């Protein structure tokens, strides 16, 4: 597969290490690589790639992704796709019309703890969920609203795991890293998932996934995306719409 990366920052470099990307687009030169200084330049030369990965700051996603789709490129976008559900819907319309991939990075879905939750607990057994997601504040050029920066992870899991059928309370903030989900069952038990340390507490037991088979969410996501293609597309605008309508850093997802 041939890949291109738009934005060679922290995430761009991570994708590059895993995929050995053919083309890099960034404002700063990348010595020894096939490099373009702008998306316009990349599109102008019509480089043949199977997937373009966009890792620029979110407030720059819309014009970049729109230009790529209009020129026939499949696109994977770092979360969230945009800060506006209207813009996301416009991008989805273009992708559908041109039969292209438009996928938002959903790495948390591939966390082994999330896989365990999905495989072992039925929606009908769950009463409610409370999550806590805290992390380092990104650079100023990136997002300043934590609900988009961090909240998108749990909002996506709410859609993915439960199809919006379970009440979910999200608590967000910048500070000491914390990624925890508490699942309250109807039988009064609580399943506690520590996504950061890969531990699950349930039924007076602790399941340690930190030493399980090597898990690489990016490679799993890319492999599935390239195998199933545009069938992987989802109505991402619905996730952004939920976040847009929240008013602070602790909010309940509407049923």
C-alpha atoms as a PDB file:
ATOM      1  CA  UNK A   1       0.000   0.000   0.000  1.00  0.00           C
ATOM      2  CA  UNK A   2       1.092   3.560  -0.703  1.00  0.00           C
ATOM      3  CA  UNK A   3       0.429   6.163   1.981  1.00  0.00           C
ATOM      4  CA  UNK A   4       0.815   9.919   2.327  1.00  0.00           C
ATOM      5  CA  UNK A   5       0.818  11.973   5.522  1.00  0.00           C
ATOM      6  CA  UNK A   6      -0.408  15.552   5.762  1.00  0.00           C
ATOM      7  CA  UNK A   7       1.234  17.156   8.812  1.00  0.00           C
ATOM      8  CA  UNK A   8       4.489  15.699  10.111  1.00  0.00           C
ATOM      9  CA  UNK A   9       4.125  16.406  13.831  1.00  0.00           C
ATOM     10  CA  UNK A  10       3.867  13.923  16.705  1.00  0.00           C
ATOM     11  CA  UNK A  11       1.081  11.783  15.213  1.00  0.00           C
ATOM     12  CA  UNK A  12       2.417  12.112  11.679  1.00  0.00           C
ATOM     13  CA  UNK A  13       5.779  10.737  12.766  1.00  0.00           C
ATOM     14  CA  UNK A  14       4.062   7.895  14.621  1.00  0.00           C
ATOM     15  CA  UNK A  15       2.114   6.824  11.540  1.00  0.00           C
ATOM     16  CA  UNK A  16       5.287   7.092   9.465  1.00  0.00           C
ATOM     17  CA  UNK A  17       7.262   4.782  11.774  1.00  0.00           C
ATOM     18  CA  UNK A  18       4.563   2.137  11.542  1.00  0.00           C
ATOM     19  CA  UNK A  19       3.675   2.368   7.854  1.00  0.00           C
ATOM     20  CA  UNK A  20       6.832   3.600   6.081  1.00  0.00           C
ATOM     21  CA  UNK A  21       4.929   6.363   4.320  1.00  0.00           C
ATOM     22  CA  UNK A  22       5.800   7.231   0.710  1.00  0.00           C
ATOM     23  CA  UNK A  23       4.913  10.942   0.662  1.00  0.00           C
ATOM     24  CA  UNK A  24       5.006  13.608   3.372  1.00  0.00           C
ATOM     25  CA  UNK A  25       3.300  16.995   3.198  1.00  0.00           C
ATOM     26  CA  UNK A  26       4.411  19.591   5.723  1.00  0.00           C
ATOM     27  CA  UNK A  27       5.431  23.252   5.930  1.00  0.00           C
ATOM     28  CA  UNK A  28       8.881  22.208   7.146  1.00  0.00           C
ATOM     29  CA  UNK A  29      11.248  20.274   4.860  1.00  0.00           C
ATOM     30  CA  UNK A  30      11.775  16.597   5.647  1.00  0.00           C
ATOM     31  CA  UNK A  31      15.328  15.681   4.528  1.00  0.00           C
ATOM     32  CA  UNK A  32      15.752  12.456   2.609  1.00  0.00           C
ATOM     33  CA  UNK A  33      12.041  11.948   1.983  1.00  0.00           C
ATOM     34  CA  UNK A  34       9.638  12.554  -0.901  1.00  0.00           C
ATOM     35  CA  UNK A  35       8.287  15.807   0.447  1.00  0.00           C
ATOM     36  CA  UNK A  36       5.709  18.449  -0.560  1.00  0.00           C
ATOM     37  CA  UNK A  37       5.376  21.832   1.112  1.00  0.00           C
ATOM     38  CA  UNK A  38       1.582  22.073   0.719  1.00  0.00           C
ATOM     39  CA  UNK A  39      -1.504  20.008  -0.008  1.00  0.00           C
ATOM     40  CA  UNK A  40      -2.031  22.014  -3.211  1.00  0.00           C
ATOM     41  CA  UNK A  41       1.417  20.968  -4.425  1.00  0.00           C
ATOM     42  CA  UNK A  42       0.766  17.322  -3.533  1.00  0.00           C
ATOM     43  CA  UNK A  43      -2.571  17.323  -5.370  1.00  0.00           C
ATOM     44  CA  UNK A  44      -1.076  19.149  -8.365  1.00  0.00           C
ATOM     45  CA  UNK A  45       1.413  16.351  -8.997  1.00  0.00           C
ATOM     46  CA  UNK A  46      -1.302  13.706  -8.576  1.00  0.00           C
ATOM     47  CA  UNK A  47       0.706  11.242  -6.549  1.00  0.00           C
ATOM     48  CA  UNK A  48      -0.918   7.763  -6.569  1.00  0.00           C
ATOM     49  CA  UNK A  49      -1.640   6.649  -3.013  1.00  0.00           C
ATOM     50  CA  UNK A  50      -4.129   4.260  -1.449  1.00  0.00           C
ATOM     51  CA  UNK A  51      -4.739   6.392   1.643  1.00  0.00           C
ATOM     52  CA  UNK A  52      -3.900   9.924   2.780  1.00  0.00           C
ATOM     53  CA  UNK A  53      -3.585  10.392   6.541  1.00  0.00           C
ATOM     54  CA  UNK A  54      -4.340  13.882   7.864  1.00  0.00           C
ATOM     55  CA  UNK A  55      -2.684  14.728  11.199  1.00  0.00           C
ATOM     56  CA  UNK A  56      -2.733  18.540  11.121  1.00  0.00           C
ATOM     57  CA  UNK A  57      -4.418  20.632  13.864  1.00  0.00           C
ATOM     58  CA  UNK A  58      -8.168  20.031  13.784  1.00  0.00           C
ATOM     59  CA  UNK A  59      -9.065  23.597  12.832  1.00  0.00           C
ATOM     60  CA  UNK A  60      -7.232  22.983   9.534  1.00  0.00           C
ATOM     61  CA  UNK A  61      -8.867  19.650   8.710  1.00  0.00           C
ATOM     62  CA  UNK A  62     -11.874  20.821   6.715  1.00  0.00           C
ATOM     63  CA  UNK A  63     -10.196  22.578   3.751  1.00  0.00           C
ATOM     64  CA  UNK A  64      -7.476  19.925   3.554  1.00  0.00           C
ATOM     65  CA  UNK A  65      -9.824  16.934   3.607  1.00  0.00           C
ATOM     66  CA  UNK A  66     -12.246  18.603   1.200  1.00  0.00           C
ATOM     67  CA  UNK A  67      -9.470  19.233  -1.326  1.00  0.00           C
ATOM     68  CA  UNK A  68      -8.231  15.652  -1.031  1.00  0.00           C
ATOM     69  CA  UNK A  69     -11.679  14.131  -1.480  1.00  0.00           C
ATOM     70  CA  UNK A  70     -12.495  16.376  -4.418  1.00  0.00           C
ATOM     71  CA  UNK A  71      -9.329  15.113  -6.076  1.00  0.00           C
ATOM     72  CA  UNK A  72     -10.157  11.445  -5.554  1.00  0.00           C
ATOM     73  CA  UNK A  73      -8.113  10.511  -2.476  1.00  0.00           C
ATOM     74  CA  UNK A  74      -9.200   8.148   0.295  1.00  0.00           C
ATOM     75  CA  UNK A  75      -8.720   9.917   3.626  1.00  0.00           C
ATOM     76  CA  UNK A  76      -8.099   8.928   7.242  1.00  0.00           C
ATOM     77  CA  UNK A  77      -8.361  11.917   9.599  1.00  0.00           C
ATOM     78  CA  UNK A  78      -7.056  12.207  13.133  1.00  0.00           C
ATOM     79  CA  UNK A  79      -9.858  12.785  15.648  1.00  0.00           C
ATOM     80  CA  UNK A  80     -12.050  14.732  15.501  1.00  0.00           C
ATOM     81  CA  UNK A  81     -12.621  15.197  11.759  1.00  0.00           C
ATOM     82  CA  UNK A  82     -13.825  18.791  12.225  1.00  0.00           C
ATOM     83  CA  UNK A  83     -15.130  21.132  14.886  1.00  0.00           C
ATOM     84  CA  UNK A  84     -18.429  21.538  13.027  1.00  0.00           C
ATOM     85  CA  UNK A  85     -20.989  18.816  12.321  1.00  0.00           C
ATOM     86  CA  UNK A  86     -22.125  20.804   9.257  1.00  0.00           C
ATOM     87  CA  UNK A  87     -18.618  20.660   7.808  1.00  0.00           C
ATOM     88  CA  UNK A  88     -18.294  16.953   8.554  1.00  0.00           C
ATOM     89  CA  UNK A  89     -21.588  16.249   6.813  1.00  0.00           C
ATOM     90  CA  UNK A  90     -20.363  18.140   3.747  1.00  0.00           C
ATOM     91  CA  UNK A  91     -17.226  15.998   3.645  1.00  0.00           C
ATOM     92  CA  UNK A  92     -19.286  12.826   4.030  1.00  0.00           C
ATOM     93  CA  UNK A  93     -21.469  13.879   1.098  1.00  0.00           C
ATOM     94  CA  UNK A  94     -18.406  14.317  -1.124  1.00  0.00           C
ATOM     95  CA  UNK A  95     -16.937  10.962  -0.044  1.00  0.00           C
ATOM     96  CA  UNK A  96     -20.217   9.178  -0.718  1.00  0.00           C
ATOM     97  CA  UNK A  97     -20.613  10.779  -4.135  1.00  0.00           C
ATOM     98  CA  UNK A  98     -17.081   9.872  -5.163  1.00  0.00           C
ATOM     99  CA  UNK A  99     -17.145   6.446  -3.450  1.00  0.00           C
ATOM    100  CA  UNK A 100     -14.130   7.224  -1.280  1.00  0.00           C
ATOM    101  CA  UNK A 101     -13.016   6.354   2.246  1.00  0.00           C
ATOM    102  CA  UNK A 102     -13.565   9.052   4.860  1.00  0.00           C
ATOM    103  CA  UNK A 103     -12.627   7.645   8.250  1.00  0.00           C
ATOM    104  CA  UNK A 104     -12.017   9.252  11.628  1.00  0.00           C
ATOM    105  CA  UNK A 105      -9.229   7.764  13.748  1.00  0.00           C
ATOM    106  CA  UNK A 106     -10.928   5.487  16.296  1.00  0.00           C
ATOM    107  CA  UNK A 107      -7.922   4.009  18.109  1.00  0.00           C
ATOM    108  CA  UNK A 108      -9.694   3.477  21.433  1.00  0.00           C
ATOM    109  CA  UNK A 109     -11.965   0.899  19.785  1.00  0.00           C
ATOM    110  CA  UNK A 110      -8.900  -1.317  19.404  1.00  0.00           C
ATOM    111  CA  UNK A 111      -7.871  -1.124  23.059  1.00  0.00           C
ATOM    112  CA  UNK A 112      -7.945  -4.729  24.399  1.00  0.00           C
ATOM    113  CA  UNK A 113     -10.094  -3.592  27.352  1.00  0.00           C
ATOM    114  CA  UNK A 114     -12.724  -2.197  24.997  1.00  0.00           C
ATOM    115  CA  UNK A 115     -12.668  -5.442  23.034  1.00  0.00           C
ATOM    116  CA  UNK A 116     -13.199  -7.364  26.285  1.00  0.00           C
ATOM    117  CA  UNK A 117     -16.120  -5.130  27.253  1.00  0.00           C
ATOM    118  CA  UNK A 118     -17.763  -5.524  23.867  1.00  0.00           C
ATOM    119  CA  UNK A 119     -17.387  -9.308  23.838  1.00  0.00           C
ATOM    120  CA  UNK A 120     -18.398 -10.052  27.436  1.00  0.00           C
ATOM    121  CA  UNK A 121     -21.170  -7.638  28.463  1.00  0.00           C
ATOM    122  CA  UNK A 122     -24.521  -7.258  26.776  1.00  0.00           C
ATOM    123  CA  UNK A 123     -26.142  -3.849  26.448  1.00  0.00           C
ATOM    124  CA  UNK A 124     -29.186  -5.209  28.275  1.00  0.00           C
ATOM    125  CA  UNK A 125     -27.052  -5.918  31.386  1.00  0.00           C
ATOM    126  CA  UNK A 126     -25.723  -2.356  31.737  1.00  0.00           C
ATOM    127  CA  UNK A 127     -27.496   0.398  33.704  1.00  0.00           C
ATOM    128  CA  UNK A 128     -25.172   3.365  33.124  1.00  0.00           C
ATOM    129  CA  UNK A 129     -21.570   4.403  32.479  1.00  0.00           C
ATOM    130  CA  UNK A 130     -19.340   7.098  33.948  1.00  0.00           C
ATOM    131  CA  UNK A 131     -15.949   7.892  32.432  1.00  0.00           C
ATOM    132  CA  UNK A 132     -12.990  10.062  33.400  1.00  0.00           C
ATOM    133  CA  UNK A 133     -10.583  11.234  30.731  1.00  0.00           C
ATOM    134  CA  UNK A 134      -7.756  13.626  31.553  1.00  0.00           C
ATOM    135  CA  UNK A 135      -4.583  14.383  29.659  1.00  0.00           C
ATOM    136  CA  UNK A 136      -1.917  16.919  28.789  1.00  0.00           C
ATOM    137  CA  UNK A 137      -3.058  20.125  27.149  1.00  0.00           C
ATOM    138  CA  UNK A 138      -2.015  20.275  23.473  1.00  0.00           C
ATOM    139  CA  UNK A 139      -0.055  23.107  21.927  1.00  0.00           C
ATOM    140  CA  UNK A 140      -1.937  26.339  21.309  1.00  0.00           C
ATOM    141  CA  UNK A 141      -2.241  25.742  17.562  1.00  0.00           C
ATOM    142  CA  UNK A 142      -4.252  22.630  18.316  1.00  0.00           C
ATOM    143  CA  UNK A 143      -7.559  22.421  20.169  1.00  0.00           C
ATOM    144  CA  UNK A 144      -8.231  24.470  23.246  1.00  0.00           C
ATOM    145  CA  UNK A 145     -11.629  22.945  23.980  1.00  0.00           C
ATOM    146  CA  UNK A 146     -11.086  19.754  25.911  1.00  0.00           C
ATOM    147  CA  UNK A 147     -14.517  18.400  24.955  1.00  0.00           C
ATOM    148  CA  UNK A 148     -13.353  18.041  21.339  1.00  0.00           C
ATOM    149  CA  UNK A 149      -9.775  17.064  22.119  1.00  0.00           C
ATOM    150  CA  UNK A 150     -10.476  14.324  24.674  1.00  0.00           C
ATOM    151  CA  UNK A 151     -14.261  13.927  24.729  1.00  0.00           C
ATOM    152  CA  UNK A 152     -14.393  12.546  21.192  1.00  0.00           C
ATOM    153  CA  UNK A 153     -12.915   9.239  22.434  1.00  0.00           C
ATOM    154  CA  UNK A 154     -15.768   8.407  24.810  1.00  0.00           C
ATOM    155  CA  UNK A 155     -18.436   9.818  22.504  1.00  0.00           C
ATOM    156  CA  UNK A 156     -17.147   7.509  19.775  1.00  0.00           C
ATOM    157  CA  UNK A 157     -17.207   4.513  22.143  1.00  0.00           C
ATOM    158  CA  UNK A 158     -20.789   5.365  23.102  1.00  0.00           C
ATOM    159  CA  UNK A 159     -21.819   5.122  19.438  1.00  0.00           C
ATOM    160  CA  UNK A 160     -19.614   2.115  18.706  1.00  0.00           C
ATOM    161  CA  UNK A 161     -20.331  -0.064  21.751  1.00  0.00           C
ATOM    162  CA  UNK A 162     -23.895   0.784  22.662  1.00  0.00           C
ATOM    163  CA  UNK A 163     -25.511   2.574  19.696  1.00  0.00           C
ATOM    164  CA  UNK A 164     -26.466   5.391  22.105  1.00  0.00           C
ATOM    165  CA  UNK A 165     -28.656   3.069  24.200  1.00  0.00           C
ATOM    166  CA  UNK A 166     -26.837   3.437  27.548  1.00  0.00           C
ATOM    167  CA  UNK A 167     -26.696   6.632  29.701  1.00  0.00           C
ATOM    168  CA  UNK A 168     -23.069   7.826  29.730  1.00  0.00           C
ATOM    169  CA  UNK A 169     -21.609  10.631  31.853  1.00  0.00           C
ATOM    170  CA  UNK A 170     -18.274  12.016  30.619  1.00  0.00           C
ATOM    171  CA  UNK A 171     -15.835  13.925  32.849  1.00  0.00           C
ATOM    172  CA  UNK A 172     -12.947  15.717  31.102  1.00  0.00           C
ATOM    173  CA  UNK A 173      -9.988  17.883  31.956  1.00  0.00           C
ATOM    174  CA  UNK A 174      -6.348  18.727  31.369  1.00  0.00           C
ATOM    175  CA  UNK A 175      -3.931  17.488  34.009  1.00  0.00           C
ATOM    176  CA  UNK A 176      -2.499  14.190  35.225  1.00  0.00           C
ATOM    177  CA  UNK A 177      -3.373  11.506  32.633  1.00  0.00           C
ATOM    178  CA  UNK A 178      -6.417   9.438  33.544  1.00  0.00           C
ATOM    179  CA  UNK A 179      -8.464   7.186  31.250  1.00  0.00           C
ATOM    180  CA  UNK A 180     -11.058   5.255  33.223  1.00  0.00           C
ATOM    181  CA  UNK A 181     -14.515   3.896  32.480  1.00  0.00           C
ATOM    182  CA  UNK A 182     -16.910   2.636  35.151  1.00  0.00           C
ATOM    183  CA  UNK A 183     -19.642   0.325  33.914  1.00  0.00           C
ATOM    184  CA  UNK A 184     -22.580  -0.004  36.321  1.00  0.00           C
ATOM    185  CA  UNK A 185     -24.446  -3.256  35.790  1.00  0.00           C
ATOM    186  CA  UNK A 186     -28.104  -3.818  36.558  1.00  0.00           C
ATOM    187  CA  UNK A 187     -27.126  -6.490  39.111  1.00  0.00           C
ATOM    188  CA  UNK A 188     -25.375  -3.733  41.153  1.00  0.00           C
ATOM    189  CA  UNK A 189     -21.853  -4.815  40.200  1.00  0.00           C
ATOM    190  CA  UNK A 190     -19.356  -2.323  38.782  1.00  0.00           C
ATOM    191  CA  UNK A 191     -16.798  -3.068  36.076  1.00  0.00           C
ATOM    192  CA  UNK A 192     -13.847  -0.655  36.242  1.00  0.00           C
ATOM    193  CA  UNK A 193     -11.653  -0.233  33.178  1.00  0.00           C
ATOM    194  CA  UNK A 194      -8.288   1.497  33.547  1.00  0.00           C
ATOM    195  CA  UNK A 195      -7.455   2.078  29.880  1.00  0.00           C
ATOM    196  CA  UNK A 196      -4.135   3.727  30.654  1.00  0.00           C
ATOM    197  CA  UNK A 197      -2.705   0.809  32.646  1.00  0.00           C
ATOM    198  CA  UNK A 198      -4.799  -1.845  30.863  1.00  0.00           C
ATOM    199  CA  UNK A 199      -6.460  -3.219  34.017  1.00  0.00           C
ATOM    200  CA  UNK A 200     -10.052  -4.368  34.561  1.00  0.00           C
ATOM    201  CA  UNK A 201     -11.574  -4.775  38.022  1.00  0.00           C
ATOM    202  CA  UNK A 202     -14.640  -6.985  38.093  1.00  0.00           C
ATOM    203  CA  UNK A 203     -16.210  -9.499  40.470  1.00  0.00           C
ATOM    204  CA  UNK A 204     -13.413  -9.004  43.064  1.00  0.00           C
ATOM    205  CA  UNK A 205     -10.790  -9.810  40.434  1.00  0.00           C
ATOM    206  CA  UNK A 206      -8.240  -7.754  38.528  1.00  0.00           C
ATOM    207  CA  UNK A 207      -7.567  -8.686  34.925  1.00  0.00           C
ATOM    208  CA  UNK A 208      -4.193  -7.452  33.697  1.00  0.00           C
ATOM    209  CA  UNK A 209      -4.015  -6.877  29.931  1.00  0.00           C
ATOM    210  CA  UNK A 210      -0.667  -5.091  30.035  1.00  0.00           C
ATOM    211  CA  UNK A 211       1.207  -8.306  29.253  1.00  0.00           C
ATOM    212  CA  UNK A 212      -1.217  -9.644  26.686  1.00  0.00           C
ATOM    213  CA  UNK A 213      -0.426 -10.083  23.009  1.00  0.00           C
ATOM    214  CA  UNK A 214       1.182  -6.967  21.556  1.00  0.00           C
ATOM    215  CA  UNK A 215      -1.605  -4.584  20.666  1.00  0.00           C
ATOM    216  CA  UNK A 216      -1.071  -1.892  18.045  1.00  0.00           C
ATOM    217  CA  UNK A 217      -4.319   0.054  17.550  1.00  0.00           C
ATOM    218  CA  UNK A 218      -3.031   2.045  14.576  1.00  0.00           C
ATOM    219  CA  UNK A 219      -2.007  -1.017  12.564  1.00  0.00           C
ATOM    220  CA  UNK A 220      -5.237  -2.838  13.440  1.00  0.00           C
ATOM    221  CA  UNK A 221      -7.291   0.161  12.339  1.00  0.00           C
ATOM    222  CA  UNK A 222      -5.332   0.667   9.105  1.00  0.00           C
ATOM    223  CA  UNK A 223      -5.488  -3.019   8.174  1.00  0.00           C
ATOM    224  CA  UNK A 224      -9.236  -3.169   8.739  1.00  0.00           C
ATOM    225  CA  UNK A 225      -9.752   0.095   6.888  1.00  0.00           C
ATOM    226  CA  UNK A 226      -7.782  -1.009   3.836  1.00  0.00           C
ATOM    227  CA  UNK A 227      -9.531  -4.399   3.785  1.00  0.00           C
ATOM    228  CA  UNK A 228     -13.105  -3.125   4.061  1.00  0.00           C
ATOM    229  CA  UNK A 229     -12.546   0.216   2.317  1.00  0.00           C
ATOM    230  CA  UNK A 230     -15.390   2.724   2.176  1.00  0.00           C
ATOM    231  CA  UNK A 231     -17.692   0.221   3.901  1.00  0.00           C
ATOM    232  CA  UNK A 232     -15.987   1.482   7.058  1.00  0.00           C
ATOM    233  CA  UNK A 233     -17.388   4.997   6.591  1.00  0.00           C
ATOM    234  CA  UNK A 234     -19.734   6.124   9.369  1.00  0.00           C
ATOM    235  CA  UNK A 235     -21.919   9.203   9.996  1.00  0.00           C
ATOM    236  CA  UNK A 236     -19.205  10.998  11.964  1.00  0.00           C
ATOM    237  CA  UNK A 237     -21.192  14.229  11.965  1.00  0.00           C
ATOM    238  CA  UNK A 238     -23.498  12.719  14.592  1.00  0.00           C
ATOM    239  CA  UNK A 239     -20.595  12.396  17.047  1.00  0.00           C
ATOM    240  CA  UNK A 240     -19.515  15.989  16.451  1.00  0.00           C
ATOM    241  CA  UNK A 241     -23.103  17.158  16.850  1.00  0.00           C
ATOM    242  CA  UNK A 242     -23.259  15.607  20.335  1.00  0.00           C
ATOM    243  CA  UNK A 243     -20.065  17.388  21.377  1.00  0.00           C
ATOM    244  CA  UNK A 244     -21.194  20.698  19.891  1.00  0.00           C
ATOM    245  CA  UNK A 245     -24.328  20.604  22.024  1.00  0.00           C
ATOM    246  CA  UNK A 246     -22.449  19.970  25.289  1.00  0.00           C
ATOM    247  CA  UNK A 247     -21.762  23.100  27.327  1.00  0.00           C
ATOM    248  CA  UNK A 248     -18.946  22.181  29.722  1.00  0.00           C
ATOM    249  CA  UNK A 249     -16.279  19.587  30.502  1.00  0.00           C
ATOM    250  CA  UNK A 250     -18.647  17.243  32.308  1.00  0.00           C
ATOM    251  CA  UNK A 251     -21.692  16.245  30.326  1.00  0.00           C
ATOM    252  CA  UNK A 252     -24.202  13.430  29.894  1.00  0.00           C
ATOM    253  CA  UNK A 253     -24.784  11.910  26.495  1.00  0.00           C
ATOM    254  CA  UNK A 254     -28.409  12.228  25.346  1.00  0.00           C
ATOM    255  CA  UNK A 255     -30.413   9.065  24.802  1.00  0.00           C
END
